Each structure stands twice: as C-alpha cells, then as structure tokens.
Amino acid sequence: MNHVYKIHCVFFQQRNQITIQFNSLQVDFDNLNARYEEEAEAAGLLRNQVSKITVELQNLRQKYDKDMMARAEELEDLRYTIQ
C-alpha cells in the first residue's frame, strides 16, 4: 500500500509540474502572439506611410520635371532671342 501511495504522489507531482510548465508556455504564447499582432499592425502602418510617401515623391518628380522642361524652353527661347 505504501508503494502505491508513493507512485500516486510521484504521479501527481509530475502532473503538477507539467501543468505549471503548460501554464507558463501558454502565458509565453499569449505574450508572443500579442507582440506579433502589434508588430504586424506597425508593419501595416509603415507600409501605408511608405506608399503615401512614394506617391508624393512621384508627384514632386513630375512637377519638377515639368518645371525644368519649362525653364529649359525659356532658356532656349532666350538664347535664340540673344543671337
């Protein structure tokens, strides 16, 4: 009977240790999952910002390309006028 009791005690100790480990792993998983969701949200916000900046950059390039072409034409006209 004493032997069965010892086996029973060891079994419950091991079960308790496994339960504690499982709970710890569950907390770790929850924390990592929350961190992943935060990082995914931050990445999405960054992608949106990069997209907006890219569009703005393209618009500025087009504007300055037009301005530069107009200035070049003005300079050409001025050159012909001077000659």
PDB file of N, CA and C in Angstrom:
ATOM      1  N   MET A   1       0.812  -1.186   0.000  1.00  0.00           N
ATOM      2  CA  MET A   1       0.000   0.000   0.000  1.00  0.00           C
ATOM      3  C   MET A   1       0.860   1.257   0.000  1.00  0.00           C
ATOM      4  N   ASN A   2       1.922   1.228   0.784  1.00  0.00           N
ATOM      5  CA  ASN A   2       2.836   2.344   0.863  1.00  0.00           C
ATOM      6  C   ASN A   2       3.475   2.610  -0.504  1.00  0.00           C
ATOM      7  N   HIS A   3       3.795   1.545  -1.239  1.00  0.00           N
ATOM      8  CA  HIS A   3       4.401   1.654  -2.569  1.00  0.00           C
ATOM      9  C   HIS A   3       3.421   2.318  -3.554  1.00  0.00           C
ATOM     10  N   VAL A   4       2.180   1.950  -3.482  1.00  0.00           N
ATOM     11  CA  VAL A   4       1.155   2.534  -4.349  1.00  0.00           C
ATOM     12  C   VAL A   4       0.982   4.019  -4.013  1.00  0.00           C
ATOM     13  N   TYR A   5       1.047   4.350  -2.750  1.00  0.00           N
ATOM     14  CA  TYR A   5       0.915   5.738  -2.338  1.00  0.00           C
ATOM     15  C   TYR A   5       2.066   6.578  -2.882  1.00  0.00           C
ATOM     16  N   LYS A   6       3.298   6.037  -2.842  1.00  0.00           N
ATOM     17  CA  LYS A   6       4.465   6.747  -3.362  1.00  0.00           C
ATOM     18  C   LYS A   6       4.324   6.976  -4.873  1.00  0.00           C
ATOM     19  N   ILE A   7       3.882   5.939  -5.562  1.00  0.00           N
ATOM     20  CA  ILE A   7       3.680   6.068  -7.020  1.00  0.00           C
ATOM     21  C   ILE A   7       2.621   7.125  -7.288  1.00  0.00           C
ATOM     22  N   HIS A   8       1.575   7.098  -6.518  1.00  0.00           N
ATOM     23  CA  HIS A   8       0.492   8.075  -6.657  1.00  0.00           C
ATOM     24  C   HIS A   8       1.019   9.503  -6.418  1.00  0.00           C
ATOM     25  N   CYS A   9       1.845   9.693  -5.395  1.00  0.00           N
ATOM     26  CA  CYS A   9       2.413  11.003  -5.083  1.00  0.00           C
ATOM     27  C   CYS A   9       3.336  11.483  -6.200  1.00  0.00           C
ATOM     28  N   VAL A  10       4.169  10.589  -6.708  1.00  0.00           N
ATOM     29  CA  VAL A  10       5.079  10.947  -7.802  1.00  0.00           C
ATOM     30  C   VAL A  10       4.275  11.333  -9.041  1.00  0.00           C
ATOM     31  N   PHE A  11       3.237  10.572  -9.310  1.00  0.00           N
ATOM     32  CA  PHE A  11       2.394  10.863 -10.471  1.00  0.00           C
ATOM     33  C   PHE A  11       1.789  12.268 -10.353  1.00  0.00           C
ATOM     34  N   PHE A  12       1.259  12.615  -9.207  1.00  0.00           N
ATOM     35  CA  PHE A  12       0.642  13.923  -9.037  1.00  0.00           C
ATOM     36  C   PHE A  12       1.666  15.056  -9.030  1.00  0.00           C
ATOM     37  N   GLN A  13       2.867  14.800  -8.520  1.00  0.00           N
ATOM     38  CA  GLN A  13       3.927  15.804  -8.579  1.00  0.00           C
ATOM     39  C   GLN A  13       4.306  16.088 -10.039  1.00  0.00           C
ATOM     40  N   GLN A  14       4.465  15.004 -10.781  1.00  0.00           N
ATOM     41  CA  GLN A  14       4.800  15.175 -12.200  1.00  0.00           C
ATOM     42  C   GLN A  14       3.673  15.882 -12.943  1.00  0.00           C
ATOM     43  N   ARG A  15       2.455  15.516 -12.618  1.00  0.00           N
ATOM     44  CA  ARG A  15       1.299  16.153 -13.252  1.00  0.00           C
ATOM     45  C   ARG A  15       1.256  17.643 -12.928  1.00  0.00           C
ATOM     46  N   ASN A  16       1.523  17.995 -11.683  1.00  0.00           N
ATOM     47  CA  ASN A  16       1.541  19.390 -11.284  1.00  0.00           C
ATOM     48  C   ASN A  16       2.656  20.160 -11.994  1.00  0.00           C
ATOM     49  N   GLN A  17       3.826  19.533 -12.113  1.00  0.00           N
ATOM     50  CA  GLN A  17       4.938  20.183 -12.820  1.00  0.00           C
ATOM     51  C   GLN A  17       4.591  20.419 -14.289  1.00  0.00           C
ATOM     52  N   ILE A  18       3.983  19.434 -14.895  1.00  0.00           N
ATOM     53  CA  ILE A  18       3.582  19.573 -16.297  1.00  0.00           C
ATOM     54  C   ILE A  18       2.518  20.660 -16.443  1.00  0.00           C
ATOM     55  N   THR A  19       1.600  20.718 -15.504  1.00  0.00           N
ATOM     56  CA  THR A  19       0.564  21.755 -15.537  1.00  0.00           C
ATOM     57  C   THR A  19       1.187  23.142 -15.404  1.00  0.00           C
ATOM     58  N   ILE A  20       2.158  23.286 -14.501  1.00  0.00           N
ATOM     59  CA  ILE A  20       2.845  24.567 -14.326  1.00  0.00           C
ATOM     60  C   ILE A  20       3.599  24.935 -15.604  1.00  0.00           C
ATOM     61  N   GLN A  21       4.299  23.966 -16.193  1.00  0.00           N
ATOM     62  CA  GLN A  21       5.020  24.225 -17.439  1.00  0.00           C
ATOM     63  C   GLN A  21       4.058  24.618 -18.558  1.00  0.00           C
ATOM     64  N   PHE A  22       2.954  23.927 -18.632  1.00  0.00           N
ATOM     65  CA  PHE A  22       1.960  24.235 -19.665  1.00  0.00           C
ATOM     66  C   PHE A  22       1.418  25.655 -19.492  1.00  0.00           C
ATOM     67  N   ASN A  23       1.077  26.000 -18.261  1.00  0.00           N
ATOM     68  CA  ASN A  23       0.561  27.348 -17.997  1.00  0.00           C
ATOM     69  C   ASN A  23       1.600  28.408 -18.338  1.00  0.00           C
ATOM     70  N   SER A  24       2.845  28.140 -18.018  1.00  0.00           N
ATOM     71  CA  SER A  24       3.925  29.070 -18.353  1.00  0.00           C
ATOM     72  C   SER A  24       4.065  29.218 -19.865  1.00  0.00           C
ATOM     73  N   LEU A  25       3.992  28.106 -20.569  1.00  0.00           N
ATOM     74  CA  LEU A  25       4.071  28.149 -22.031  1.00  0.00           C
ATOM     75  C   LEU A  25       2.874  28.871 -22.628  1.00  0.00           C
ATOM     76  N   GLN A  26       1.717  28.710 -22.026  1.00  0.00           N
ATOM     77  CA  GLN A  26       0.516  29.400 -22.500  1.00  0.00           C
ATOM     78  C   GLN A  26       0.671  30.912 -22.348  1.00  0.00           C
ATOM     79  N   VAL A  27       1.224  31.350 -21.222  1.00  0.00           N
ATOM     80  CA  VAL A  27       1.467  32.779 -20.998  1.00  0.00           C
ATOM     81  C   VAL A  27       2.491  33.287 -22.014  1.00  0.00           C
ATOM     82  N   ASP A  28       3.567  32.524 -22.225  1.00  0.00           N
ATOM     83  CA  ASP A  28       4.575  32.910 -23.221  1.00  0.00           C
ATOM     84  C   ASP A  28       3.958  33.031 -24.603  1.00  0.00           C
ATOM     85  N   PHE A  29       3.123  32.070 -24.942  1.00  0.00           N
ATOM     86  CA  PHE A  29       2.463  32.100 -26.250  1.00  0.00           C
ATOM     87  C   PHE A  29       1.573  33.324 -26.379  1.00  0.00           C
ATOM     88  N   ASP A  30       0.787  33.599 -25.358  1.00  0.00           N
ATOM     89  CA  ASP A  30      -0.105  34.759 -25.392  1.00  0.00           C
ATOM     90  C   ASP A  30       0.691  36.059 -25.549  1.00  0.00           C
ATOM     91  N   ASN A  31       1.803  36.164 -24.813  1.00  0.00           N
ATOM     92  CA  ASN A  31       2.639  37.360 -24.913  1.00  0.00           C
ATOM     93  C   ASN A  31       3.251  37.489 -26.306  1.00  0.00           C
ATOM     94  N   LEU A  32       3.756  36.390 -26.838  1.00  0.00           N
ATOM     95  CA  LEU A  32       4.338  36.422 -28.184  1.00  0.00           C
ATOM     96  C   LEU A  32       3.282  36.735 -29.238  1.00  0.00           C
ATOM     97  N   ASN A  33       2.102  36.190 -29.069  1.00  0.00           N
ATOM     98  CA  ASN A  33       1.018  36.445 -30.011  1.00  0.00           C
ATOM     99  C   ASN A  33       0.616  37.924 -29.990  1.00  0.00           C
ATOM    100  N   ALA A  34       0.539  38.489 -28.809  1.00  0.00           N
ATOM    101  CA  ALA A  34       0.204  39.919 -28.689  1.00  0.00           C
ATOM    102  C   ALA A  34       1.302  40.766 -29.325  1.00  0.00           C
ATOM    103  N   ARG A  35       2.544  40.389 -29.086  1.00  0.00           N
ATOM    104  CA  ARG A  35       3.671  41.123 -29.687  1.00  0.00           C
ATOM    105  C   ARG A  35       3.643  41.002 -31.210  1.00  0.00           C
ATOM    106  N   TYR A  36       3.349  39.818 -31.705  1.00  0.00           N
ATOM    107  CA  TYR A  36       3.262  39.614 -33.153  1.00  0.00           C
ATOM    108  C   TYR A  36       2.175  40.501 -33.761  1.00  0.00           C
ATOM    109  N   GLU A  37       1.028  40.556 -33.107  1.00  0.00           N
ATOM    110  CA  GLU A  37      -0.073  41.379 -33.613  1.00  0.00           C
ATOM    111  C   GLU A  37       0.313  42.857 -33.617  1.00  0.00           C
ATOM    112  N   GLU A  38       1.013  43.304 -32.569  1.00  0.00           N
ATOM    113  CA  GLU A  38       1.474  44.697 -32.524  1.00  0.00           C
ATOM    114  C   GLU A  38       2.457  44.971 -33.660  1.00  0.00           C
ATOM    115  N   GLU A  39       3.388  44.041 -33.863  1.00  0.00           N
ATOM    116  CA  GLU A  39       4.391  44.210 -34.920  1.00  0.00           C
ATOM    117  C   GLU A  39       3.737  44.193 -36.302  1.00  0.00           C
ATOM    118  N   ALA A  40       2.745  43.341 -36.472  1.00  0.00           N
ATOM    119  CA  ALA A  40       2.045  43.273 -37.759  1.00  0.00           C
ATOM    120  C   ALA A  40       1.289  44.580 -38.017  1.00  0.00           C
ATOM    121  N   GLU A  41       0.685  45.124 -36.984  1.00  0.00           N
ATOM    122  CA  GLU A  41      -0.028  46.397 -37.131  1.00  0.00           C
ATOM    123  C   GLU A  41       0.953  47.522 -37.456  1.00  0.00           C
ATOM    124  N   ALA A  42       2.088  47.534 -36.759  1.00  0.00           N
ATOM    125  CA  ALA A  42       3.107  48.563 -37.020  1.00  0.00           C
ATOM    126  C   ALA A  42       3.648  48.432 -38.442  1.00  0.00           C
ATOM    127  N   ALA A  43       3.849  47.206 -38.905  1.00  0.00           N
ATOM    128  CA  ALA A  43       4.331  46.990 -40.271  1.00  0.00           C
ATOM    129  C   ALA A  43       3.311  47.500 -41.282  1.00  0.00           C
ATOM    130  N   GLY A  44       2.039  47.280 -41.017  1.00  0.00           N
ATOM    131  CA  GLY A  44       0.990  47.770 -41.908  1.00  0.00           C
ATOM    132  C   GLY A  44       0.974  49.288 -41.968  1.00  0.00           C
ATOM    133  N   LEU A  45       1.142  49.926 -40.810  1.00  0.00           N
ATOM    134  CA  LEU A  45       1.193  51.387 -40.776  1.00  0.00           C
ATOM    135  C   LEU A  45       2.401  51.912 -41.553  1.00  0.00           C
ATOM    136  N   LEU A  46       3.534  51.240 -41.389  1.00  0.00           N
ATOM    137  CA  LEU A  46       4.726  51.652 -42.133  1.00  0.00           C
ATOM    138  C   LEU A  46       4.534  51.482 -43.638  1.00  0.00           C
ATOM    139  N   ARG A  47       3.909  50.380 -44.035  1.00  0.00           N
ATOM    140  CA  ARG A  47       3.644  50.175 -45.472  1.00  0.00           C
ATOM    141  C   ARG A  47       2.762  51.293 -46.017  1.00  0.00           C
ATOM    142  N   ASN A  48       1.759  51.690 -45.254  1.00  0.00           N
ATOM    143  CA  ASN A  48       0.886  52.782 -45.679  1.00  0.00           C
ATOM    144  C   ASN A  48       1.663  54.089 -45.810  1.00  0.00           C
ATOM    145  N   GLN A  49       2.527  54.362 -44.848  1.00  0.00           N
ATOM    146  CA  GLN A  49       3.327  55.582 -44.905  1.00  0.00           C
ATOM    147  C   GLN A  49       4.267  55.564 -46.103  1.00  0.00           C
ATOM    148  N   VAL A  50       4.914  54.440 -46.345  1.00  0.00           N
ATOM    149  CA  VAL A  50       5.819  54.325 -47.492  1.00  0.00           C
ATOM    150  C   VAL A  50       5.048  54.520 -48.790  1.00  0.00           C
ATOM    151  N   SER A  51       3.874  53.976 -48.866  1.00  0.00           N
ATOM    152  CA  SER A  51       3.051  54.121 -50.064  1.00  0.00           C
ATOM    153  C   SER A  51       2.696  55.592 -50.294  1.00  0.00           C
ATOM    154  N   LYS A  52       2.270  56.277 -49.234  1.00  0.00           N
ATOM    155  CA  LYS A  52       1.915  57.696 -49.357  1.00  0.00           C
ATOM    156  C   LYS A  52       3.132  58.528 -49.761  1.00  0.00           C
ATOM    157  N   ILE A  53       4.260  58.249 -49.158  1.00  0.00           N
ATOM    158  CA  ILE A  53       5.476  58.995 -49.477  1.00  0.00           C
ATOM    159  C   ILE A  53       5.914  58.727 -50.907  1.00  0.00           C
ATOM    160  N   THR A  54       5.767  57.498 -51.363  1.00  0.00           N
ATOM    161  CA  THR A  54       6.132  57.160 -52.735  1.00  0.00           C
ATOM    162  C   THR A  54       5.273  57.934 -53.726  1.00  0.00           C
ATOM    163  N   VAL A  55       3.978  58.009 -53.469  1.00  0.00           N
ATOM    164  CA  VAL A  55       3.080  58.772 -54.338  1.00  0.00           C
ATOM    165  C   VAL A  55       3.466  60.248 -54.321  1.00  0.00           C
ATOM    166  N   GLU A  56       3.738  60.776 -53.136  1.00  0.00           N
ATOM    167  CA  GLU A  56       4.129  62.183 -53.021  1.00  0.00           C
ATOM    168  C   GLU A  56       5.436  62.446 -53.776  1.00  0.00           C
ATOM    169  N   LEU A  57       6.375  61.538 -53.658  1.00  0.00           N
ATOM    170  CA  LEU A  57       7.644  61.669 -54.373  1.00  0.00           C
ATOM    171  C   LEU A  57       7.435  61.666 -55.880  1.00  0.00           C
ATOM    172  N   GLN A  58       6.607  60.774 -56.372  1.00  0.00           N
ATOM    173  CA  GLN A  58       6.322  60.724 -57.804  1.00  0.00           C
ATOM    174  C   GLN A  58       5.667  62.026 -58.277  1.00  0.00           C
ATOM    175  N   ASN A  59       4.747  62.562 -57.490  1.00  0.00           N
ATOM    176  CA  ASN A  59       4.103  63.828 -57.844  1.00  0.00           C
ATOM    177  C   ASN A  59       5.106  64.972 -57.886  1.00  0.00           C
ATOM    178  N   LEU A  60       6.005  65.007 -56.890  1.00  0.00           N
ATOM    179  CA  LEU A  60       7.025  66.052 -56.874  1.00  0.00           C
ATOM    180  C   LEU A  60       7.973  65.927 -58.067  1.00  0.00           C
ATOM    181  N   ARG A  61       8.356  64.709 -58.408  1.00  0.00           N
ATOM    182  CA  ARG A  61       9.220  64.499 -59.576  1.00  0.00           C
ATOM    183  C   ARG A  61       8.547  65.001 -60.845  1.00  0.00           C
ATOM    184  N   GLN A  62       7.282  64.656 -61.007  1.00  0.00           N
ATOM    185  CA  GLN A  62       6.560  65.112 -62.195  1.00  0.00           C
ATOM    186  C   GLN A  62       6.501  66.633 -62.238  1.00  0.00           C
ATOM    187  N   LYS A  63       6.211  67.240 -61.090  1.00  0.00           N
ATOM    188  CA  LYS A  63       6.118  68.700 -61.032  1.00  0.00           C
ATOM    189  C   LYS A  63       7.446  69.340 -61.406  1.00  0.00           C
ATOM    190  N   TYR A  64       8.529  68.857 -60.806  1.00  0.00           N
ATOM    191  CA  TYR A  64       9.826  69.460 -61.065  1.00  0.00           C
ATOM    192  C   TYR A  64      10.333  69.142 -62.469  1.00  0.00           C
ATOM    193  N   ASP A  65       9.987  67.979 -62.985  1.00  0.00           N
ATOM    194  CA  ASP A  65      10.342  67.676 -64.382  1.00  0.00           C
ATOM    195  C   ASP A  65       9.659  68.664 -65.320  1.00  0.00           C
ATOM    196  N   LYS A  66       8.391  68.950 -65.074  1.00  0.00           N
ATOM    197  CA  LYS A  66       7.674  69.927 -65.899  1.00  0.00           C
ATOM    198  C   LYS A  66       8.303  71.311 -65.757  1.00  0.00           C
ATOM    199  N   ASP A  67       8.603  71.694 -64.515  1.00  0.00           N
ATOM    200  CA  ASP A  67       9.226  72.996 -64.277  1.00  0.00           C
ATOM    201  C   ASP A  67      10.581  73.093 -64.969  1.00  0.00           C
ATOM    202  N   MET A  68      11.360  72.043 -64.888  1.00  0.00           N
ATOM    203  CA  MET A  68      12.676  72.049 -65.526  1.00  0.00           C
ATOM    204  C   MET A  68      12.554  72.127 -67.045  1.00  0.00           C
ATOM    205  N   MET A  69      11.592  71.428 -67.604  1.00  0.00           N
ATOM    206  CA  MET A  69      11.394  71.491 -69.061  1.00  0.00           C
ATOM    207  C   MET A  69      10.970  72.902 -69.471  1.00  0.00           C
ATOM    208  N   ALA A  70      10.094  73.521 -68.686  1.00  0.00           N
ATOM    209  CA  ALA A  70       9.648  74.880 -68.989  1.00  0.00           C
ATOM    210  C   ALA A  70      10.825  75.843 -68.904  1.00  0.00           C
ATOM    211  N   ARG A  71      11.664  75.712 -67.900  1.00  0.00           N
ATOM    212  CA  ARG A  71      12.847  76.574 -67.761  1.00  0.00           C
ATOM    213  C   ARG A  71      13.812  76.350 -68.920  1.00  0.00           C
ATOM    214  N   ALA A  72      13.986  75.098 -69.300  1.00  0.00           N
ATOM    215  CA  ALA A  72      14.884  74.801 -70.415  1.00  0.00           C
ATOM    216  C   ALA A  72      14.364  75.444 -71.693  1.00  0.00           C
ATOM    217  N   GLU A  73      13.061  75.378 -71.892  1.00  0.00           N
ATOM    218  CA  GLU A  73      12.475  76.016 -73.071  1.00  0.00           C
ATOM    219  C   GLU A  73      12.641  77.529 -73.013  1.00  0.00           C
ATOM    220  N   GLU A  74      12.454  78.114 -71.820  1.00  0.00           N
ATOM    221  CA  GLU A  74      12.656  79.555 -71.671  1.00  0.00           C
ATOM    222  C   GLU A  74      14.095  79.940 -71.996  1.00  0.00           C
ATOM    223  N   LEU A  75      15.034  79.150 -71.510  1.00  0.00           N
ATOM    224  CA  LEU A  75      16.439  79.431 -71.784  1.00  0.00           C
ATOM    225  C   LEU A  75      16.748  79.313 -73.277  1.00  0.00           C
ATOM    226  N   GLU A  76      16.169  78.302 -73.906  1.00  0.00           N
ATOM    227  CA  GLU A  76      16.360  78.145 -75.356  1.00  0.00           C
ATOM    228  C   GLU A  76      15.795  79.350 -76.100  1.00  0.00           C
ATOM    229  N   ASP A  77      14.602  79.785 -75.719  1.00  0.00           N
ATOM    230  CA  ASP A  77      13.986  80.953 -76.350  1.00  0.00           C
ATOM    231  C   ASP A  77      14.848  82.193 -76.131  1.00  0.00           C
ATOM    232  N   LEU A  78      15.367  82.339 -74.925  1.00  0.00           N
ATOM    233  CA  LEU A  78      16.213  83.473 -74.613  1.00  0.00           C
ATOM    234  C   LEU A  78      17.493  83.431 -75.447  1.00  0.00           C
ATOM    235  N   ARG A  79      18.035  82.252 -75.596  1.00  0.00           N
ATOM    236  CA  ARG A  79      19.258  82.079 -76.383  1.00  0.00           C
ATOM    237  C   ARG A  79      19.020  82.486 -77.834  1.00  0.00           C
ATOM    238  N   TYR A  80      17.887  82.064 -78.401  1.00  0.00           N
ATOM    239  CA  TYR A  80      17.576  82.436 -79.782  1.00  0.00           C
ATOM    240  C   TYR A  80      17.332  83.943 -79.889  1.00  0.00           C
ATOM    241  N   THR A  81      16.738  84.533 -78.852  1.00  0.00           N
ATOM    242  CA  THR A  81      16.469  85.965 -78.877  1.00  0.00           C
ATOM    243  C   THR A  81      17.773  86.760 -78.831  1.00  0.00           C
ATOM    244  N   ILE A  82      18.707  86.282 -78.058  1.00  0.00           N
ATOM    245  CA  ILE A  82      20.003  86.977 -77.912  1.00  0.00           C
ATOM    246  C   ILE A  82      20.815  86.890 -79.203  1.00  0.00           C
ATOM    247  N   GLN A  83      20.743  85.786 -79.904  1.00  0.00           N
ATOM    248  CA  GLN A  83      21.560  85.580 -81.112  1.00  0.00           C
ATOM    249  C   GLN A  83      21.071  86.391 -82.201  1.00  0.00           C
TER     250      GLN A  83
END
